[in-house]
N, C-alpha and C. Protein backbone atom coordinates (compact mmCIF):
# COMPACT_ATOMS: atom_id res chain seq x y z
N UNK A 1 -13.10 -13.10 -10.26
CA UNK A 1 -12.47 -12.18 -9.35
C UNK A 1 -11.11 -12.77 -8.95
N UNK A 2 -10.09 -11.95 -8.99
CA UNK A 2 -8.74 -12.35 -8.63
C UNK A 2 -8.52 -12.00 -7.16
N UNK A 3 -7.84 -12.88 -6.44
CA UNK A 3 -7.53 -12.55 -5.05
C UNK A 3 -6.13 -13.05 -4.70
N UNK A 4 -5.63 -12.52 -3.59
CA UNK A 4 -4.33 -12.94 -3.06
C UNK A 4 -4.45 -13.03 -1.55
N UNK A 5 -3.59 -13.83 -0.96
CA UNK A 5 -3.56 -13.96 0.50
C UNK A 5 -2.19 -13.56 1.01
N UNK A 6 -2.17 -12.73 2.02
CA UNK A 6 -0.94 -12.31 2.70
C UNK A 6 -0.89 -13.05 4.03
N UNK A 7 0.18 -13.77 4.28
CA UNK A 7 0.29 -14.57 5.50
C UNK A 7 1.53 -14.17 6.29
N UNK A 8 1.35 -14.13 7.62
CA UNK A 8 2.47 -13.94 8.53
C UNK A 8 2.12 -14.72 9.79
N UNK A 9 2.83 -15.80 10.00
CA UNK A 9 2.48 -16.65 11.14
C UNK A 9 1.06 -17.17 10.97
N UNK A 10 0.22 -16.95 11.99
CA UNK A 10 -1.17 -17.40 11.93
C UNK A 10 -2.11 -16.35 11.34
N UNK A 11 -1.60 -15.15 11.06
CA UNK A 11 -2.44 -14.08 10.52
C UNK A 11 -2.53 -14.22 9.00
N UNK A 12 -3.74 -14.08 8.47
CA UNK A 12 -3.98 -14.12 7.03
C UNK A 12 -4.89 -12.96 6.67
N UNK A 13 -4.49 -12.21 5.65
CA UNK A 13 -5.34 -11.15 5.11
C UNK A 13 -5.56 -11.48 3.65
N UNK A 14 -6.83 -11.53 3.24
CA UNK A 14 -7.14 -11.79 1.84
C UNK A 14 -7.53 -10.48 1.19
N UNK A 15 -6.97 -10.21 0.03
CA UNK A 15 -7.34 -9.03 -0.75
C UNK A 15 -7.88 -9.53 -2.09
N UNK A 16 -8.91 -8.86 -2.60
CA UNK A 16 -9.54 -9.31 -3.83
C UNK A 16 -9.84 -8.13 -4.74
N UNK A 17 -9.84 -8.40 -6.02
CA UNK A 17 -10.22 -7.40 -7.00
C UNK A 17 -11.72 -7.14 -6.95
N UNK A 18 -12.14 -6.02 -7.49
CA UNK A 18 -13.56 -5.67 -7.51
C UNK A 18 -14.32 -6.59 -8.47
N UNK A 19 -15.53 -6.96 -8.07
CA UNK A 19 -16.36 -7.77 -8.95
C UNK A 19 -17.53 -6.94 -9.51
N UNK A 20 -17.47 -5.62 -9.28
CA UNK A 20 -18.49 -4.70 -9.79
C UNK A 20 -17.82 -3.33 -9.99
N UNK A 21 -18.54 -2.42 -10.63
CA UNK A 21 -18.01 -1.08 -10.87
C UNK A 21 -18.28 -0.19 -9.66
N UNK A 22 -17.40 -0.26 -8.67
CA UNK A 22 -17.54 0.56 -7.47
C UNK A 22 -16.91 1.92 -7.69
N UNK A 23 -17.44 2.93 -7.02
CA UNK A 23 -16.83 4.24 -7.03
C UNK A 23 -15.69 4.24 -6.03
N UNK A 24 -14.48 4.44 -6.52
CA UNK A 24 -13.29 4.50 -5.66
C UNK A 24 -12.95 5.97 -5.47
N UNK A 25 -12.78 6.42 -4.22
CA UNK A 25 -12.45 7.83 -4.01
C UNK A 25 -11.18 8.22 -4.75
N UNK A 26 -11.17 9.42 -5.30
CA UNK A 26 -9.98 9.91 -5.98
C UNK A 26 -9.05 10.56 -4.97
N UNK A 27 -7.82 10.80 -5.40
CA UNK A 27 -6.85 11.46 -4.54
C UNK A 27 -7.26 12.89 -4.25
N UNK A 28 -7.11 13.29 -3.00
CA UNK A 28 -7.21 14.68 -2.59
C UNK A 28 -5.88 14.97 -1.93
N UNK A 29 -5.01 15.63 -2.64
CA UNK A 29 -3.64 15.78 -2.16
C UNK A 29 -2.92 14.47 -2.36
N UNK A 30 -2.46 13.87 -1.26
CA UNK A 30 -1.70 12.62 -1.34
C UNK A 30 -2.45 11.43 -0.76
N UNK A 31 -3.80 11.54 -0.64
CA UNK A 31 -4.56 10.44 -0.05
C UNK A 31 -5.97 10.37 -0.63
N UNK A 32 -6.53 9.16 -0.63
CA UNK A 32 -7.93 8.97 -1.00
C UNK A 32 -8.81 9.05 0.24
N UNK A 33 -8.20 9.09 1.41
CA UNK A 33 -8.94 9.12 2.66
C UNK A 33 -9.12 7.75 3.28
N UNK A 34 -8.74 6.71 2.56
CA UNK A 34 -8.83 5.34 3.09
C UNK A 34 -7.80 4.48 2.39
N UNK A 35 -7.22 3.56 3.11
CA UNK A 35 -6.24 2.68 2.50
C UNK A 35 -5.72 1.66 3.49
N UNK A 36 -4.75 0.92 3.04
CA UNK A 36 -4.14 -0.14 3.83
C UNK A 36 -2.68 0.20 4.04
N UNK A 37 -2.16 -0.06 5.24
CA UNK A 37 -0.74 0.17 5.54
C UNK A 37 -0.07 -1.18 5.77
N UNK A 38 1.09 -1.37 5.14
CA UNK A 38 1.89 -2.58 5.31
C UNK A 38 3.26 -2.19 5.82
N UNK A 39 3.76 -2.91 6.80
CA UNK A 39 5.12 -2.71 7.30
C UNK A 39 6.06 -3.59 6.48
N UNK A 40 7.17 -3.01 6.04
CA UNK A 40 8.14 -3.74 5.23
C UNK A 40 9.54 -3.22 5.53
N UNK A 41 10.55 -4.08 5.53
CA UNK A 41 11.91 -3.61 5.77
C UNK A 41 12.54 -2.94 4.54
N UNK A 42 11.99 -3.17 3.34
CA UNK A 42 12.58 -2.61 2.12
C UNK A 42 11.53 -1.85 1.32
N UNK A 43 11.29 -0.62 1.71
CA UNK A 43 10.26 0.22 1.10
C UNK A 43 10.55 0.45 -0.38
N UNK A 44 11.80 0.76 -0.72
CA UNK A 44 12.16 1.05 -2.12
C UNK A 44 11.88 -0.14 -3.03
N UNK A 45 12.24 -1.34 -2.61
CA UNK A 45 12.03 -2.53 -3.44
C UNK A 45 10.53 -2.80 -3.63
N UNK A 46 9.74 -2.64 -2.57
CA UNK A 46 8.30 -2.88 -2.69
C UNK A 46 7.67 -1.82 -3.59
N UNK A 47 8.06 -0.57 -3.43
CA UNK A 47 7.54 0.51 -4.27
C UNK A 47 7.83 0.22 -5.75
N UNK A 48 9.06 -0.14 -6.05
CA UNK A 48 9.44 -0.45 -7.43
C UNK A 48 8.63 -1.62 -7.98
N UNK A 49 8.44 -2.64 -7.18
CA UNK A 49 7.70 -3.83 -7.62
C UNK A 49 6.24 -3.48 -7.93
N UNK A 50 5.63 -2.67 -7.07
CA UNK A 50 4.23 -2.28 -7.28
C UNK A 50 4.08 -1.45 -8.54
N UNK A 51 4.97 -0.49 -8.75
CA UNK A 51 4.89 0.36 -9.94
C UNK A 51 5.12 -0.47 -11.21
N UNK A 52 6.07 -1.41 -11.18
CA UNK A 52 6.30 -2.29 -12.33
C UNK A 52 5.07 -3.14 -12.64
N UNK A 53 4.29 -3.47 -11.61
CA UNK A 53 3.11 -4.33 -11.79
C UNK A 53 1.86 -3.53 -12.18
N UNK A 54 2.01 -2.21 -12.37
CA UNK A 54 0.87 -1.42 -12.83
C UNK A 54 0.31 -0.45 -11.81
N UNK A 55 0.91 -0.38 -10.62
CA UNK A 55 0.48 0.59 -9.63
C UNK A 55 0.97 1.99 -9.99
N UNK A 56 0.36 2.99 -9.40
CA UNK A 56 0.73 4.38 -9.65
C UNK A 56 1.32 4.98 -8.38
N UNK A 57 2.50 5.54 -8.48
CA UNK A 57 3.16 6.14 -7.32
C UNK A 57 2.45 7.42 -6.92
N UNK A 58 2.08 7.52 -5.65
CA UNK A 58 1.53 8.76 -5.08
C UNK A 58 2.69 9.58 -4.54
N UNK A 59 3.54 8.93 -3.74
CA UNK A 59 4.84 9.51 -3.40
C UNK A 59 5.85 8.39 -3.25
N UNK A 60 7.06 8.60 -3.78
CA UNK A 60 8.10 7.58 -3.74
C UNK A 60 8.64 7.44 -2.33
N UNK A 61 9.48 6.44 -2.10
CA UNK A 61 10.07 6.26 -0.78
C UNK A 61 10.71 7.56 -0.28
N UNK A 62 10.39 7.90 0.96
CA UNK A 62 10.92 9.11 1.57
C UNK A 62 11.17 8.86 3.05
N UNK A 63 12.14 9.58 3.58
CA UNK A 63 12.44 9.51 5.00
C UNK A 63 11.39 10.31 5.76
N UNK A 64 11.02 9.82 6.94
CA UNK A 64 10.02 10.51 7.76
C UNK A 64 10.70 11.24 8.91
N UNK A 65 9.97 12.15 9.52
CA UNK A 65 10.52 12.89 10.66
C UNK A 65 10.69 12.00 11.89
N UNK A 66 10.07 10.83 11.92
CA UNK A 66 10.21 9.91 13.06
C UNK A 66 11.26 8.84 12.80
N UNK A 67 12.02 8.98 11.72
CA UNK A 67 13.17 8.11 11.51
C UNK A 67 12.93 6.87 10.67
N UNK A 68 11.82 6.78 10.02
CA UNK A 68 11.54 5.63 9.17
C UNK A 68 11.53 6.02 7.70
N UNK A 69 11.08 5.10 6.89
CA UNK A 69 10.90 5.33 5.45
C UNK A 69 9.48 4.94 5.10
N UNK A 70 8.86 5.67 4.16
CA UNK A 70 7.49 5.35 3.75
C UNK A 70 7.31 5.66 2.28
N UNK A 71 6.22 5.12 1.70
CA UNK A 71 5.82 5.39 0.33
C UNK A 71 4.33 5.14 0.22
N UNK A 72 3.73 5.62 -0.87
CA UNK A 72 2.30 5.38 -1.10
C UNK A 72 2.07 5.16 -2.59
N UNK A 73 1.17 4.24 -2.90
CA UNK A 73 0.80 3.93 -4.28
C UNK A 73 -0.72 3.77 -4.38
N UNK A 74 -1.21 3.82 -5.60
CA UNK A 74 -2.57 3.41 -5.91
C UNK A 74 -2.46 2.15 -6.73
N UNK A 75 -3.24 1.13 -6.40
CA UNK A 75 -3.21 -0.08 -7.20
C UNK A 75 -3.95 0.18 -8.52
N UNK A 76 -3.93 -0.76 -9.46
CA UNK A 76 -4.56 -0.51 -10.76
C UNK A 76 -6.05 -0.17 -10.69
N UNK A 77 -6.73 -0.52 -9.59
CA UNK A 77 -8.14 -0.18 -9.43
C UNK A 77 -8.33 1.14 -8.68
N UNK A 78 -7.22 1.79 -8.28
CA UNK A 78 -7.30 3.10 -7.62
C UNK A 78 -7.31 3.07 -6.12
N UNK A 79 -7.13 1.88 -5.51
CA UNK A 79 -7.12 1.78 -4.05
C UNK A 79 -5.74 2.18 -3.51
N UNK A 80 -5.76 2.86 -2.37
CA UNK A 80 -4.54 3.39 -1.76
C UNK A 80 -3.85 2.34 -0.87
N UNK A 81 -2.54 2.22 -1.07
CA UNK A 81 -1.70 1.36 -0.26
C UNK A 81 -0.52 2.20 0.23
N UNK A 82 -0.31 2.23 1.52
CA UNK A 82 0.87 2.88 2.09
C UNK A 82 1.73 1.80 2.72
N UNK A 83 3.02 1.98 2.71
CA UNK A 83 3.89 1.03 3.36
C UNK A 83 5.13 1.74 3.84
N UNK A 84 5.73 1.15 4.87
CA UNK A 84 6.91 1.77 5.43
C UNK A 84 7.61 0.86 6.42
N UNK A 85 8.66 1.41 7.00
CA UNK A 85 9.45 0.64 7.97
C UNK A 85 8.86 0.70 9.37
N UNK A 86 7.94 1.62 9.60
CA UNK A 86 7.29 1.73 10.91
C UNK A 86 6.39 0.52 11.13
N UNK A 87 6.58 -0.16 12.26
CA UNK A 87 5.75 -1.31 12.61
C UNK A 87 4.90 -0.93 13.82
N UNK A 88 3.61 -0.63 13.63
CA UNK A 88 2.76 -0.25 14.76
C UNK A 88 2.80 -1.29 15.88
N UNK A 89 2.86 -0.80 17.10
CA UNK A 89 2.87 -1.67 18.26
C UNK A 89 4.23 -2.21 18.61
N UNK A 90 5.26 -1.84 17.86
CA UNK A 90 6.61 -2.35 18.15
C UNK A 90 7.58 -1.20 18.43
N UNK A 91 7.13 -0.18 19.08
CA UNK A 91 8.03 0.93 19.32
C UNK A 91 7.68 1.63 20.53
């Protein structure tokens, strides 16, 4: 099983690949109904990097009505990842 660790200060989130054949929900519209959100200052660069690494774009970077930028992808295993400039708890 492959895994990665995301660190920011004292916070660590570990993400790992599946070690079994799990049923991953398919897209209904623009969402699987569950996913992870990451805050990033450069949505376009992260979106491009994910797609180059084998992710599938659900929607490319777009401006939001609240003044930020966001995008959504599915990783190679079909899991939903959203990211944007909005930082929860900082506004």
